[in-house]
C-alpha atoms as a PDB file:
ATOM      1  CA  MET A   1     -77.718 -34.598 -73.789  1.00  0.00           C
ATOM      2  CA  LEU A   2     -76.241 -33.253 -76.983  1.00  0.00           C
ATOM      3  CA  LYS A   3     -73.236 -31.895 -75.102  1.00  0.00           C
ATOM      4  CA  LYS A   4     -72.529 -35.370 -73.663  1.00  0.00           C
ATOM      5  CA  VAL A   5     -72.767 -37.006 -77.045  1.00  0.00           C
ATOM      6  CA  LEU A   6     -70.462 -34.350 -78.636  1.00  0.00           C
ATOM      7  CA  PHE A   7     -68.058 -34.717 -75.714  1.00  0.00           C
ATOM      8  CA  GLY A   8     -67.955 -38.514 -76.159  1.00  0.00           C
ATOM      9  CA  ILE A   9     -67.301 -38.152 -79.897  1.00  0.00           C
ATOM     10  CA  ALA A  10     -64.513 -35.653 -79.138  1.00  0.00           C
ATOM     11  CA  CYS A  11     -62.895 -38.012 -76.622  1.00  0.00           C
ATOM     12  CA  LEU A  12     -62.982 -40.840 -79.145  1.00  0.00           C
ATOM     13  CA  ALA A  13     -61.451 -38.638 -81.770  1.00  0.00           C
ATOM     14  CA  ILE A  14     -58.618 -37.616 -79.410  1.00  0.00           C
ATOM     15  CA  VAL A  15     -57.960 -41.246 -78.500  1.00  0.00           C
ATOM     16  CA  GLY A  16     -57.985 -42.132 -82.152  1.00  0.00           C
ATOM     17  CA  VAL A  17     -55.398 -39.483 -82.951  1.00  0.00           C
ATOM     18  CA  LEU A  18     -53.190 -40.586 -80.004  1.00  0.00           C
ATOM     19  CA  VAL A  19     -53.392 -44.239 -80.971  1.00  0.00           C
ATOM     20  CA  THR A  20     -52.885 -43.903 -84.772  1.00  0.00           C
ATOM     21  CA  PRO A  21     -49.072 -43.947 -84.681  1.00  0.00           C
ATOM     22  CA  ALA A  22     -49.142 -47.209 -82.707  1.00  0.00           C
ATOM     23  CA  LEU A  23     -51.381 -48.836 -85.241  1.00  0.00           C
ATOM     24  CA  ALA A  24     -49.239 -47.769 -88.245  1.00  0.00           C
ATOM     25  CA  ASP A  25     -47.670 -50.814 -89.928  1.00  0.00           C
ATOM     26  CA  GLY A  26     -45.210 -49.299 -92.398  1.00  0.00           C
ATOM     27  CA  THR A  27     -45.715 -52.013 -95.020  1.00  0.00           C
ATOM     28  CA  ALA A  28     -48.315 -52.711 -97.629  1.00  0.00           C
ATOM     29  CA  ALA A  29     -51.510 -54.125 -96.200  1.00  0.00           C
ATOM     30  CA  GLY A  30     -51.669 -57.228 -98.494  1.00  0.00           C
ATOM     31  CA  ALA A  31     -47.973 -58.201 -98.295  1.00  0.00           C
ATOM     32  CA  PRO A  32     -47.036 -61.433 -96.529  1.00  0.00           C
ATOM     33  CA  ALA A  33     -44.487 -59.584 -94.422  1.00  0.00           C
ATOM     34  CA  ALA A  34     -47.298 -57.435 -93.084  1.00  0.00           C
ATOM     35  CA  GLN A  35     -49.194 -60.556 -92.066  1.00  0.00           C
ATOM     36  CA  GLU A  36     -46.151 -62.015 -90.300  1.00  0.00           C
ATOM     37  CA  LYS A  37     -45.528 -58.763 -88.499  1.00  0.00           C
ATOM     38  CA  ALA A  38     -49.148 -58.447 -87.523  1.00  0.00           C
ATOM     39  CA  SER A  39     -49.094 -61.850 -85.807  1.00  0.00           C
ATOM     40  CA  THR A  40     -45.967 -60.973 -83.826  1.00  0.00           C
ATOM     41  CA  SER A  41     -46.745 -57.434 -82.856  1.00  0.00           C
ATOM     42  CA  GLY A  42     -50.314 -57.866 -81.616  1.00  0.00           C
ATOM     43  CA  SER A  43     -49.330 -57.060 -78.039  1.00  0.00           C
ATOM     44  CA  SER A  44     -47.443 -54.027 -79.254  1.00  0.00           C
ATOM     45  CA  THR A  45     -50.604 -52.695 -80.902  1.00  0.00           C
ATOM     46  CA  TYR A  46     -52.576 -53.226 -77.705  1.00  0.00           C
ATOM     47  CA  LEU A  47     -49.789 -51.539 -75.718  1.00  0.00           C
ATOM     48  CA  GLY A  48     -50.000 -48.485 -78.013  1.00  0.00           C
ATOM     49  CA  PHE A  49     -53.751 -48.380 -77.652  1.00  0.00           C
ATOM     50  CA  ALA A  50     -53.512 -48.662 -73.908  1.00  0.00           C
ATOM     51  CA  LEU A  51     -50.916 -45.895 -73.662  1.00  0.00           C
ATOM     52  CA  GLY A  52     -52.982 -43.588 -75.850  1.00  0.00           C
ATOM     53  CA  LEU A  53     -56.204 -44.354 -73.962  1.00  0.00           C
ATOM     54  CA  GLY A  54     -54.465 -43.991 -70.607  1.00  0.00           C
ATOM     55  CA  LEU A  55     -52.940 -40.673 -71.501  1.00  0.00           C
ATOM     56  CA  ALA A  56     -56.332 -39.385 -72.723  1.00  0.00           C
ATOM     57  CA  ILE A  57     -58.030 -40.443 -69.479  1.00  0.00           C
ATOM     58  CA  ALA A  58     -55.233 -38.886 -67.382  1.00  0.00           C
ATOM     59  CA  ALA A  59     -55.496 -35.605 -69.259  1.00  0.00           C
ATOM     60  CA  PHE A  60     -59.283 -35.577 -68.920  1.00  0.00           C
ATOM     61  CA  GLY A  61     -59.190 -36.472 -65.240  1.00  0.00           C
ATOM     62  CA  GLY A  62     -56.480 -33.837 -64.610  1.00  0.00           C
ATOM     63  CA  ALA A  63     -58.459 -31.117 -66.403  1.00  0.00           C
ATOM     64  CA  ALA A  64     -61.733 -32.028 -64.629  1.00  0.00           C
ATOM     65  CA  GLY A  65     -59.951 -32.056 -61.226  1.00  0.00           C
ATOM     66  CA  GLN A  66     -58.271 -28.732 -61.850  1.00  0.00           C
ATOM     67  CA  GLY A  67     -61.596 -27.215 -63.041  1.00  0.00           C
ATOM     68  CA  ARG A  68     -63.328 -28.361 -59.805  1.00  0.00           C
ATOM     69  CA  ALA A  69     -60.498 -27.153 -57.615  1.00  0.00           C
ATOM     70  CA  ILE A  70     -60.460 -23.671 -59.249  1.00  0.00           C
ATOM     71  CA  ALA A  71     -64.261 -23.396 -59.040  1.00  0.00           C
ATOM     72  CA  ALA A  72     -64.199 -24.286 -55.369  1.00  0.00           C
ATOM     73  CA  ALA A  73     -61.445 -21.794 -54.654  1.00  0.00           C
ATOM     74  CA  VAL A  74     -63.235 -18.995 -56.457  1.00  0.00           C
ATOM     75  CA  ASP A  75     -66.388 -19.865 -54.565  1.00  0.00           C
ATOM     76  CA  ALA A  76     -64.550 -19.872 -51.232  1.00  0.00           C
ATOM     77  CA  VAL A  77     -62.930 -16.528 -51.980  1.00  0.00           C
ATOM     78  CA  ALA A  78     -66.250 -15.062 -52.975  1.00  0.00           C
ATOM     79  CA  ARG A  79     -67.712 -16.139 -49.613  1.00  0.00           C
ATOM     80  CA  GLN A  80     -64.741 -15.049 -47.528  1.00  0.00           C
ATOM     81  CA  PRO A  81     -62.463 -12.526 -49.292  1.00  0.00           C
ATOM     82  CA  GLU A  82     -60.148 -11.992 -46.344  1.00  0.00           C
ATOM     83  CA  ALA A  83     -58.949 -15.651 -46.625  1.00  0.00           C
ATOM     84  CA  GLY A  84     -58.091 -15.225 -50.329  1.00  0.00           C
ATOM     85  CA  ALA A  85     -54.330 -15.520 -49.937  1.00  0.00           C
ATOM     86  CA  ARG A  86     -54.519 -18.753 -47.941  1.00  0.00           C
ATOM     87  CA  ILE A  87     -57.045 -20.229 -50.331  1.00  0.00           C
ATOM     88  CA  GLN A  88     -54.956 -19.313 -53.329  1.00  0.00           C
ATOM     89  CA  GLY A  89     -51.801 -20.881 -51.818  1.00  0.00           C
ATOM     90  CA  MET A  90     -53.621 -24.176 -51.056  1.00  0.00           C
ATOM     91  CA  MET A  91     -55.178 -24.131 -54.518  1.00  0.00           C
ATOM     92  CA  ILE A  92     -51.870 -23.697 -56.220  1.00  0.00           C
ATOM     93  CA  ILE A  93     -50.337 -26.645 -54.267  1.00  0.00           C
ATOM     94  CA  GLY A  94     -53.384 -28.797 -55.134  1.00  0.00           C
ATOM     95  CA  LEU A  95     -53.144 -27.891 -58.816  1.00  0.00           C
ATOM     96  CA  ALA A  96     -49.473 -28.819 -58.829  1.00  0.00           C
ATOM     97  CA  LEU A  97     -50.239 -32.185 -57.304  1.00  0.00           C
ATOM     98  CA  ILE A  98     -53.044 -32.858 -59.826  1.00  0.00           C
ATOM     99  CA  GLU A  99     -50.740 -31.881 -62.668  1.00  0.00           C
ATOM    100  CA  THR A 100     -47.928 -34.203 -61.516  1.00  0.00           C
ATOM    101  CA  LEU A 101     -50.235 -37.169 -61.952  1.00  0.00           C
ATOM    102  CA  VAL A 102     -50.730 -36.245 -65.592  1.00  0.00           C
ATOM    103  CA  ILE A 103     -47.016 -35.724 -66.061  1.00  0.00           C
ATOM    104  CA  TYR A 104     -46.335 -39.150 -64.561  1.00  0.00           C
ATOM    105  CA  MET A 105     -48.653 -40.740 -67.125  1.00  0.00           C
ATOM    106  CA  LEU A 106     -46.893 -38.848 -69.856  1.00  0.00           C
ATOM    107  CA  LEU A 107     -43.585 -40.163 -68.544  1.00  0.00           C
ATOM    108  CA  ILE A 108     -44.979 -43.714 -68.628  1.00  0.00           C
ATOM    109  CA  CYS A 109     -46.061 -43.230 -72.198  1.00  0.00           C
ATOM    110  CA  PHE A 110     -42.576 -42.093 -73.194  1.00  0.00           C
ATOM    111  CA  MET A 111     -40.939 -45.028 -71.350  1.00  0.00           C
ATOM    112  CA  TRP A 112     -43.281 -47.718 -72.739  1.00  0.00           C
ATOM    113  CA  GLY A 113     -43.676 -45.990 -76.118  1.00  0.00           C
ATOM    114  CA  ALA A 114     -40.277 -47.299 -77.208  1.00  0.00           C
ATOM    115  CA  LYS A 115     -41.697 -50.830 -77.054  1.00  0.00           C
ATOM    116  CA  VAL A 116     -44.462 -49.941 -79.510  1.00  0.00           C
ATOM    117  CA  VAL A 117     -42.958 -50.713 -82.872  1.00  0.00           C
END
């Protein structure tokens, strides 16, 4: 139970670090210009939060998927060592496909990140 709580706190901290640049305003908090900018850039702030959260979820999902794939491959090789070369080849192809999904999310963050001002 403690591991789950610590893991949740770590995930929230990572999301907070990823979203912090999107929430930065650049002006004084009490200035009227900051209030005008806050009213017009509300969707930009949500976009930054969504990009940071989406990238964190993609990274976590990719890491979890790769961990499960490697564990299954090691288990399969332990059960049938003579099929190790075939299993390793299929595992590497699977890991590459999993990693491309995370890279696509990173690309989306770069493309939409220019709209977060």
